[in-house]
Amino acid sequence: MHNTEFYVLARSDISSLQDLAGKKVGFHVKGSGPSVTGPMVFERLGINVEPVYINHTFAIEKMKSGEIAAIFQVGAKPNDLLAKLKPEPGLHFVPLKWGPKFSDYYLPTALTHDDYPNLIPAGDTVETLAVPLVLAVYNWPKNSDRFRRVERFIHYYFERFDKLLHPSFQQKWREINRTARVPGWNRYPVADEVLTAMAKDVVAGKAKPNELLSANTSQLFQEFLEWRQKSEKKKN
């Protein structure tokens, strides 16, 4: 699919992730993306925080009152919750820097003023991490009703994908490369068939290449993986 960014929004007295040691951090409600990924990130960094599992809307109010030090959020930028926050003295993003501890699944990226004008001053950037998203499904038996439902969804997805590129939809749809492969995963057979047919149409001149490739984000990720593998080989 696309890459989605991580955010650590904190009070004015928090200048680094290490400052959050022993303090309360909101990870949204249990079962949500932040509640799963957030504790993992802090564990990898060796920073022990006190997790709070409540809705981020309430958590932000508790930040303003001093009851919570920060929240951890996951979402494609611009994330709706954060983009709609009104300027609040002291509230800011804390850098989450990429390093060897995150080299297996995560990518380095940055947040800018254009992404969050109410939280990041013009000209400034904040380092953070991103993680690639995949659209996964159980491999149902071919003659089952579930298989037919997934098959119908896949055809709808490819046939109507261009509609998701309209400005009214999240801009991350424009970053998706539908031909990308995920290392160690198999593409669903129906999707393979559709992509093969689309590729033939491109070769035959019946379709434009950009109808098959929406963006180069996945290609960049593949290049990143190759770079990481080469780096690991040099170390060994």
C-alpha atoms as a PDB file:
ATOM      1  CA  MET A   1       0.000   0.000   0.000  1.00  0.00           C
ATOM      2  CA  HIS A   2       1.879   3.098   1.253  1.00  0.00           C
ATOM      3  CA  ASN A   3       4.052   4.229   4.142  1.00  0.00           C
ATOM      4  CA  THR A   4       2.425   5.532   7.292  1.00  0.00           C
ATOM      5  CA  GLU A   5       4.142   7.827   9.759  1.00  0.00           C
ATOM      6  CA  PHE A   6       4.673   7.742  13.549  1.00  0.00           C
ATOM      7  CA  TYR A   7       4.131  10.763  15.808  1.00  0.00           C
ATOM      8  CA  VAL A   8       5.109  11.598  19.357  1.00  0.00           C
ATOM      9  CA  LEU A   9       3.200  14.709  20.410  1.00  0.00           C
ATOM     10  CA  ALA A  10       4.372  16.039  23.764  1.00  0.00           C
ATOM     11  CA  ARG A  11       4.122  18.889  26.277  1.00  0.00           C
ATOM     12  CA  SER A  12       6.628  21.739  26.397  1.00  0.00           C
ATOM     13  CA  ASP A  13       8.741  20.122  29.141  1.00  0.00           C
ATOM     14  CA  ILE A  14       9.523  17.103  26.908  1.00  0.00           C
ATOM     15  CA  SER A  15      12.388  17.741  24.483  1.00  0.00           C
ATOM     16  CA  SER A  16      13.464  14.155  23.765  1.00  0.00           C
ATOM     17  CA  LEU A  17      12.041  10.649  23.989  1.00  0.00           C
ATOM     18  CA  GLN A  18      14.333   9.970  26.944  1.00  0.00           C
ATOM     19  CA  ASP A  19      12.473  12.690  28.866  1.00  0.00           C
ATOM     20  CA  LEU A  20       9.405  10.436  28.778  1.00  0.00           C
ATOM     21  CA  ALA A  21      11.017   7.757  30.968  1.00  0.00           C
ATOM     22  CA  GLY A  22       8.675   6.975  33.873  1.00  0.00           C
ATOM     23  CA  LYS A  23       6.001   9.329  32.555  1.00  0.00           C
ATOM     24  CA  LYS A  24       2.495   8.657  31.231  1.00  0.00           C
ATOM     25  CA  VAL A  25       2.199   8.248  27.464  1.00  0.00           C
ATOM     26  CA  GLY A  26      -1.113   7.817  25.651  1.00  0.00           C
ATOM     27  CA  PHE A  27      -1.243   4.917  23.184  1.00  0.00           C
ATOM     28  CA  HIS A  28      -4.900   5.313  22.194  1.00  0.00           C
ATOM     29  CA  VAL A  29      -7.422   2.542  22.984  1.00  0.00           C
ATOM     30  CA  LYS A  30      -6.319  -1.082  23.271  1.00  0.00           C
ATOM     31  CA  GLY A  31      -6.350  -2.936  19.965  1.00  0.00           C
ATOM     32  CA  SER A  32      -5.607   0.185  17.936  1.00  0.00           C
ATOM     33  CA  GLY A  33      -2.463   0.641  15.849  1.00  0.00           C
ATOM     34  CA  PRO A  34      -0.740   2.996  18.327  1.00  0.00           C
ATOM     35  CA  SER A  35      -1.497   0.636  21.232  1.00  0.00           C
ATOM     36  CA  VAL A  36       0.418  -2.140  19.448  1.00  0.00           C
ATOM     37  CA  THR A  37       3.246  -0.242  17.751  1.00  0.00           C
ATOM     38  CA  GLY A  38       3.903   2.427  20.383  1.00  0.00           C
ATOM     39  CA  PRO A  39       5.011   0.136  23.240  1.00  0.00           C
ATOM     40  CA  MET A  40       7.207  -1.781  20.771  1.00  0.00           C
ATOM     41  CA  VAL A  41       9.009   1.409  19.722  1.00  0.00           C
ATOM     42  CA  PHE A  42       9.699   2.468  23.310  1.00  0.00           C
ATOM     43  CA  GLU A  43      10.783  -1.062  24.233  1.00  0.00           C
ATOM     44  CA  ARG A  44      13.322  -1.073  21.396  1.00  0.00           C
ATOM     45  CA  LEU A  45      14.676   2.242  22.637  1.00  0.00           C
ATOM     46  CA  GLY A  46      14.900   0.916  26.195  1.00  0.00           C
ATOM     47  CA  ILE A  47      12.665   3.699  27.518  1.00  0.00           C
ATOM     48  CA  ASN A  48      10.169   2.613  30.186  1.00  0.00           C
ATOM     49  CA  VAL A  49       7.009   4.701  30.123  1.00  0.00           C
ATOM     50  CA  GLU A  50       3.663   4.349  31.860  1.00  0.00           C
ATOM     51  CA  PRO A  51       1.157   3.408  29.124  1.00  0.00           C
ATOM     52  CA  VAL A  52      -2.299   4.981  29.127  1.00  0.00           C
ATOM     53  CA  TYR A  53      -4.947   3.451  26.874  1.00  0.00           C
ATOM     54  CA  ILE A  54      -7.626   6.041  26.238  1.00  0.00           C
ATOM     55  CA  ASN A  55      -8.975   7.810  23.161  1.00  0.00           C
ATOM     56  CA  HIS A  56      -6.419  10.306  21.849  1.00  0.00           C
ATOM     57  CA  THR A  57      -8.959  13.136  21.909  1.00  0.00           C
ATOM     58  CA  PHE A  58      -9.242  12.732  25.688  1.00  0.00           C
ATOM     59  CA  ALA A  59      -5.502  12.098  26.034  1.00  0.00           C
ATOM     60  CA  ILE A  60      -4.669  15.428  24.378  1.00  0.00           C
ATOM     61  CA  GLU A  61      -6.917  17.233  26.868  1.00  0.00           C
ATOM     62  CA  LYS A  62      -5.092  15.437  29.687  1.00  0.00           C
ATOM     63  CA  MET A  63      -1.794  16.587  28.167  1.00  0.00           C
ATOM     64  CA  LYS A  64      -2.993  20.187  28.386  1.00  0.00           C
ATOM     65  CA  SER A  65      -3.882  19.685  32.052  1.00  0.00           C
ATOM     66  CA  GLY A  66      -0.532  18.030  32.795  1.00  0.00           C
ATOM     67  CA  GLU A  67      -1.885  14.534  33.532  1.00  0.00           C
ATOM     68  CA  ILE A  68      -0.218  12.922  30.489  1.00  0.00           C
ATOM     69  CA  ALA A  69       3.211  13.794  29.090  1.00  0.00           C
ATOM     70  CA  ALA A  70       2.737  12.735  25.455  1.00  0.00           C
ATOM     71  CA  ILE A  71       0.763  10.628  22.998  1.00  0.00           C
ATOM     72  CA  PHE A  72       1.991   8.194  20.364  1.00  0.00           C
ATOM     73  CA  GLN A  73       0.030   8.225  17.128  1.00  0.00           C
ATOM     74  CA  VAL A  74       0.236   6.233  13.884  1.00  0.00           C
ATOM     75  CA  GLY A  75      -1.317   7.562  10.687  1.00  0.00           C
ATOM     76  CA  ALA A  76      -0.691   8.593   7.117  1.00  0.00           C
ATOM     77  CA  LYS A  77       0.179  12.268   6.913  1.00  0.00           C
ATOM     78  CA  PRO A  78      -1.576  14.552   7.120  1.00  0.00           C
ATOM     79  CA  ASN A  79      -3.168  12.693  10.022  1.00  0.00           C
ATOM     80  CA  ASP A  80      -6.649  14.105  10.556  1.00  0.00           C
ATOM     81  CA  LEU A  81      -6.485  14.230  14.369  1.00  0.00           C
ATOM     82  CA  LEU A  82      -3.198  16.131  14.427  1.00  0.00           C
ATOM     83  CA  ALA A  83      -3.824  18.305  11.373  1.00  0.00           C
ATOM     84  CA  LYS A  84      -6.976  19.733  12.949  1.00  0.00           C
ATOM     85  CA  LEU A  85      -5.331  20.640  16.265  1.00  0.00           C
ATOM     86  CA  LYS A  86      -5.412  24.354  16.956  1.00  0.00           C
ATOM     87  CA  PRO A  87      -2.102  25.998  17.915  1.00  0.00           C
ATOM     88  CA  GLU A  88      -1.493  25.273  21.577  1.00  0.00           C
ATOM     89  CA  PRO A  89       1.470  26.731  23.525  1.00  0.00           C
ATOM     90  CA  GLY A  90       4.036  24.028  24.197  1.00  0.00           C
ATOM     91  CA  LEU A  91       2.520  21.172  22.197  1.00  0.00           C
ATOM     92  CA  HIS A  92       5.098  19.887  19.728  1.00  0.00           C
ATOM     93  CA  PHE A  93       6.397  16.795  17.951  1.00  0.00           C
ATOM     94  CA  VAL A  94       9.369  15.021  19.506  1.00  0.00           C
ATOM     95  CA  PRO A  95      11.927  13.606  17.025  1.00  0.00           C
ATOM     96  CA  LEU A  96      11.871   9.829  16.592  1.00  0.00           C
ATOM     97  CA  LYS A  97      15.146   9.070  14.848  1.00  0.00           C
ATOM     98  CA  TRP A  98      15.835   6.067  12.640  1.00  0.00           C
ATOM     99  CA  GLY A  99      18.749   3.794  13.593  1.00  0.00           C
ATOM    100  CA  PRO A 100      19.945   0.156  13.712  1.00  0.00           C
ATOM    101  CA  LYS A 101      17.229  -0.719  16.232  1.00  0.00           C
ATOM    102  CA  PHE A 102      14.630   0.049  13.571  1.00  0.00           C
ATOM    103  CA  SER A 103      16.419  -1.286  10.494  1.00  0.00           C
ATOM    104  CA  ASP A 104      14.251  -4.393  10.100  1.00  0.00           C
ATOM    105  CA  TYR A 105      10.825  -2.933   9.336  1.00  0.00           C
ATOM    106  CA  TYR A 106      10.928   0.830   9.624  1.00  0.00           C
ATOM    107  CA  LEU A 107      11.962   3.661   7.302  1.00  0.00           C
ATOM    108  CA  PRO A 108      13.364   7.125   8.073  1.00  0.00           C
ATOM    109  CA  THR A 109      11.167  10.055   7.139  1.00  0.00           C
ATOM    110  CA  ALA A 110      10.319  13.571   8.292  1.00  0.00           C
ATOM    111  CA  LEU A 111       7.381  15.813   9.138  1.00  0.00           C
ATOM    112  CA  THR A 112       7.288  19.367   7.790  1.00  0.00           C
ATOM    113  CA  HIS A 113       5.440  22.636   8.205  1.00  0.00           C
ATOM    114  CA  ASP A 114       3.434  21.827   5.083  1.00  0.00           C
ATOM    115  CA  ASP A 115       2.207  18.628   6.766  1.00  0.00           C
ATOM    116  CA  TYR A 116       1.274  20.259  10.093  1.00  0.00           C
ATOM    117  CA  PRO A 117       1.399  24.074   9.896  1.00  0.00           C
ATOM    118  CA  ASN A 118      -0.093  24.475  13.386  1.00  0.00           C
ATOM    119  CA  LEU A 119       2.558  22.294  15.034  1.00  0.00           C
ATOM    120  CA  ILE A 120       5.763  22.778  13.007  1.00  0.00           C
ATOM    121  CA  PRO A 121       7.216  26.250  12.268  1.00  0.00           C
ATOM    122  CA  ALA A 122       7.884  27.181   8.647  1.00  0.00           C
ATOM    123  CA  GLY A 123      11.214  25.825   7.454  1.00  0.00           C
ATOM    124  CA  ASP A 124      11.509  23.259  10.263  1.00  0.00           C
ATOM    125  CA  THR A 125      11.380  19.465   9.961  1.00  0.00           C
ATOM    126  CA  VAL A 126      10.967  16.747  12.566  1.00  0.00           C
ATOM    127  CA  GLU A 127      12.587  13.360  12.088  1.00  0.00           C
ATOM    128  CA  THR A 128      10.368  10.338  12.559  1.00  0.00           C
ATOM    129  CA  LEU A 129       9.774   6.770  11.399  1.00  0.00           C
ATOM    130  CA  ALA A 130       7.414   5.281   8.849  1.00  0.00           C
ATOM    131  CA  VAL A 131       6.267   1.730   8.300  1.00  0.00           C
ATOM    132  CA  PRO A 132       4.991   0.220   5.042  1.00  0.00           C
ATOM    133  CA  LEU A 133       1.375  -0.963   5.048  1.00  0.00           C
ATOM    134  CA  VAL A 134       0.213  -4.113   3.305  1.00  0.00           C
ATOM    135  CA  LEU A 135      -3.300  -5.184   2.355  1.00  0.00           C
ATOM    136  CA  ALA A 136      -3.463  -8.834   3.409  1.00  0.00           C
ATOM    137  CA  VAL A 137      -6.159 -11.499   3.186  1.00  0.00           C
ATOM    138  CA  TYR A 138      -6.557 -15.136   4.147  1.00  0.00           C
ATOM    139  CA  ASN A 139      -5.951 -17.587   1.283  1.00  0.00           C
ATOM    140  CA  TRP A 140      -9.478 -18.969   1.012  1.00  0.00           C
ATOM    141  CA  PRO A 141     -10.229 -22.197  -0.930  1.00  0.00           C
ATOM    142  CA  LYS A 142     -10.910 -21.340  -4.559  1.00  0.00           C
ATOM    143  CA  ASN A 143     -14.489 -22.649  -4.668  1.00  0.00           C
ATOM    144  CA  SER A 144     -15.576 -21.028  -1.417  1.00  0.00           C
ATOM    145  CA  ASP A 145     -17.918 -18.081  -0.990  1.00  0.00           C
ATOM    146  CA  ARG A 146     -15.170 -16.168   0.819  1.00  0.00           C
ATOM    147  CA  PHE A 147     -12.857 -16.565  -2.179  1.00  0.00           C
ATOM    148  CA  ARG A 148     -15.536 -15.170  -4.493  1.00  0.00           C
ATOM    149  CA  ARG A 149     -16.057 -12.170  -2.206  1.00  0.00           C
ATOM    150  CA  VAL A 150     -12.340 -11.401  -2.126  1.00  0.00           C
ATOM    151  CA  GLU A 151     -12.198 -11.874  -5.901  1.00  0.00           C
ATOM    152  CA  ARG A 152     -15.017  -9.360  -6.360  1.00  0.00           C
ATOM    153  CA  PHE A 153     -13.291  -6.859  -4.062  1.00  0.00           C
ATOM    154  CA  ILE A 154      -9.992  -7.177  -5.980  1.00  0.00           C
ATOM    155  CA  HIS A 155     -11.689  -6.478  -9.300  1.00  0.00           C
ATOM    156  CA  TYR A 156     -13.501  -3.460  -7.820  1.00  0.00           C
ATOM    157  CA  TYR A 157     -10.239  -2.232  -6.311  1.00  0.00           C
ATOM    158  CA  PHE A 158      -8.330  -2.275  -9.590  1.00  0.00           C
ATOM    159  CA  GLU A 159     -11.187  -1.165 -11.833  1.00  0.00           C
ATOM    160  CA  ARG A 160     -12.094   1.815  -9.662  1.00  0.00           C
ATOM    161  CA  PHE A 161      -8.675   2.716  -8.279  1.00  0.00           C
ATOM    162  CA  ASP A 162      -8.460   5.975 -10.259  1.00  0.00           C
ATOM    163  CA  LYS A 163     -11.400   7.352  -8.280  1.00  0.00           C
ATOM    164  CA  LEU A 164      -9.279   7.113  -5.116  1.00  0.00           C
ATOM    165  CA  LEU A 165      -6.761   9.515  -6.660  1.00  0.00           C
ATOM    166  CA  HIS A 166      -9.220  12.409  -6.660  1.00  0.00           C
ATOM    167  CA  PRO A 167      -8.375  15.314  -4.310  1.00  0.00           C
ATOM    168  CA  SER A 168     -11.294  14.473  -2.016  1.00  0.00           C
ATOM    169  CA  PHE A 169      -9.515  11.282  -0.898  1.00  0.00           C
ATOM    170  CA  GLN A 170      -6.406  10.884   1.295  1.00  0.00           C
ATOM    171  CA  GLN A 171      -3.329  11.921  -0.667  1.00  0.00           C
ATOM    172  CA  LYS A 172      -1.510   8.700   0.311  1.00  0.00           C
ATOM    173  CA  TRP A 173      -3.523   6.842  -2.344  1.00  0.00           C
ATOM    174  CA  ARG A 174      -1.293   8.585  -4.890  1.00  0.00           C
ATOM    175  CA  GLU A 175       1.797   6.874  -3.419  1.00  0.00           C
ATOM    176  CA  ILE A 176       0.569   3.326  -3.946  1.00  0.00           C
ATOM    177  CA  ASN A 177       2.380   1.088  -6.424  1.00  0.00           C
ATOM    178  CA  ARG A 178       0.018  -1.787  -7.134  1.00  0.00           C
ATOM    179  CA  THR A 179       2.750  -3.874  -8.778  1.00  0.00           C
ATOM    180  CA  ALA A 180       5.037  -3.869  -5.729  1.00  0.00           C
ATOM    181  CA  ARG A 181       5.896  -7.149  -4.015  1.00  0.00           C
ATOM    182  CA  VAL A 182       6.415  -7.677  -0.297  1.00  0.00           C
ATOM    183  CA  PRO A 183       9.517  -9.758   0.523  1.00  0.00           C
ATOM    184  CA  GLY A 184       8.484 -13.214   1.775  1.00  0.00           C
ATOM    185  CA  TRP A 185       4.805 -12.778   0.863  1.00  0.00           C
ATOM    186  CA  ASN A 186       2.808 -14.109  -2.070  1.00  0.00           C
ATOM    187  CA  ARG A 187       0.465 -11.902  -4.034  1.00  0.00           C
ATOM    188  CA  TYR A 188      -3.125 -13.156  -4.089  1.00  0.00           C
ATOM    189  CA  PRO A 189      -3.685 -15.186  -7.317  1.00  0.00           C
ATOM    190  CA  VAL A 190      -6.610 -13.045  -8.488  1.00  0.00           C
ATOM    191  CA  ALA A 191      -4.546  -9.868  -8.078  1.00  0.00           C
ATOM    192  CA  ASP A 192      -1.732 -11.490 -10.051  1.00  0.00           C
ATOM    193  CA  GLU A 193      -4.141 -12.297 -12.870  1.00  0.00           C
ATOM    194  CA  VAL A 194      -5.481  -8.738 -12.962  1.00  0.00           C
ATOM    195  CA  LEU A 195      -2.012  -7.203 -12.949  1.00  0.00           C
ATOM    196  CA  THR A 196      -0.849  -9.543 -15.721  1.00  0.00           C
ATOM    197  CA  ALA A 197      -3.812  -8.507 -17.861  1.00  0.00           C
ATOM    198  CA  MET A 198      -3.130  -4.834 -17.165  1.00  0.00           C
ATOM    199  CA  ALA A 199       0.556  -5.247 -18.076  1.00  0.00           C
ATOM    200  CA  LYS A 200      -0.433  -6.841 -21.394  1.00  0.00           C
ATOM    201  CA  ASP A 201      -2.708  -3.878 -22.123  1.00  0.00           C
ATOM    202  CA  VAL A 202       0.201  -1.503 -21.466  1.00  0.00           C
ATOM    203  CA  VAL A 203       2.462  -3.466 -23.838  1.00  0.00           C
ATOM    204  CA  ALA A 204      -0.275  -3.545 -26.468  1.00  0.00           C
ATOM    205  CA  GLY A 205      -0.794   0.199 -26.146  1.00  0.00           C
ATOM    206  CA  LYS A 206      -4.316  -0.187 -24.762  1.00  0.00           C
ATOM    207  CA  ALA A 207      -3.376   1.403 -21.453  1.00  0.00           C
ATOM    208  CA  LYS A 208      -0.847   3.959 -20.181  1.00  0.00           C
ATOM    209  CA  PRO A 209       1.973   2.881 -17.823  1.00  0.00           C
ATOM    210  CA  ASN A 210       0.724   5.229 -15.129  1.00  0.00           C
ATOM    211  CA  GLU A 211      -2.514   3.251 -14.977  1.00  0.00           C
ATOM    212  CA  LEU A 212      -0.426   0.384 -13.640  1.00  0.00           C
ATOM    213  CA  LEU A 213       2.050   2.314 -11.492  1.00  0.00           C
ATOM    214  CA  SER A 214       0.618   5.051  -9.324  1.00  0.00           C
ATOM    215  CA  ALA A 215       3.892   6.102  -7.707  1.00  0.00           C
ATOM    216  CA  ASN A 216       7.421   5.036  -6.894  1.00  0.00           C
ATOM    217  CA  THR A 217       7.145   4.705  -3.126  1.00  0.00           C
ATOM    218  CA  SER A 218       7.300   0.912  -3.157  1.00  0.00           C
ATOM    219  CA  GLN A 219      10.285   0.987  -5.534  1.00  0.00           C
ATOM    220  CA  LEU A 220      12.109   3.246  -3.105  1.00  0.00           C
ATOM    221  CA  PHE A 221      11.346   0.783  -0.329  1.00  0.00           C
ATOM    222  CA  GLN A 222      12.774  -2.072  -2.413  1.00  0.00           C
ATOM    223  CA  GLU A 223      15.935  -0.047  -2.983  1.00  0.00           C
ATOM    224  CA  PHE A 224      16.115   0.628   0.749  1.00  0.00           C
ATOM    225  CA  LEU A 225      15.868  -3.101   1.503  1.00  0.00           C
ATOM    226  CA  GLU A 226      18.637  -3.853  -0.984  1.00  0.00           C
ATOM    227  CA  TRP A 227      20.845  -1.178   0.585  1.00  0.00           C
ATOM    228  CA  ARG A 228      20.189  -2.618   4.052  1.00  0.00           C
ATOM    229  CA  GLN A 229      21.056  -6.159   2.948  1.00  0.00           C
ATOM    230  CA  LYS A 230      24.335  -4.965   1.420  1.00  0.00           C
ATOM    231  CA  SER A 231      25.168  -3.067   4.614  1.00  0.00           C
ATOM    232  CA  GLU A 232      24.517  -6.140   6.745  1.00  0.00           C
ATOM    233  CA  LYS A 233      26.737  -8.284   4.523  1.00  0.00           C
ATOM    234  CA  LYS A 234      29.595  -5.784   4.897  1.00  0.00           C
ATOM    235  CA  LYS A 235      29.248  -5.937   8.696  1.00  0.00           C
ATOM    236  CA  ASN A 236      29.396  -9.742   8.646  1.00  0.00           C
END
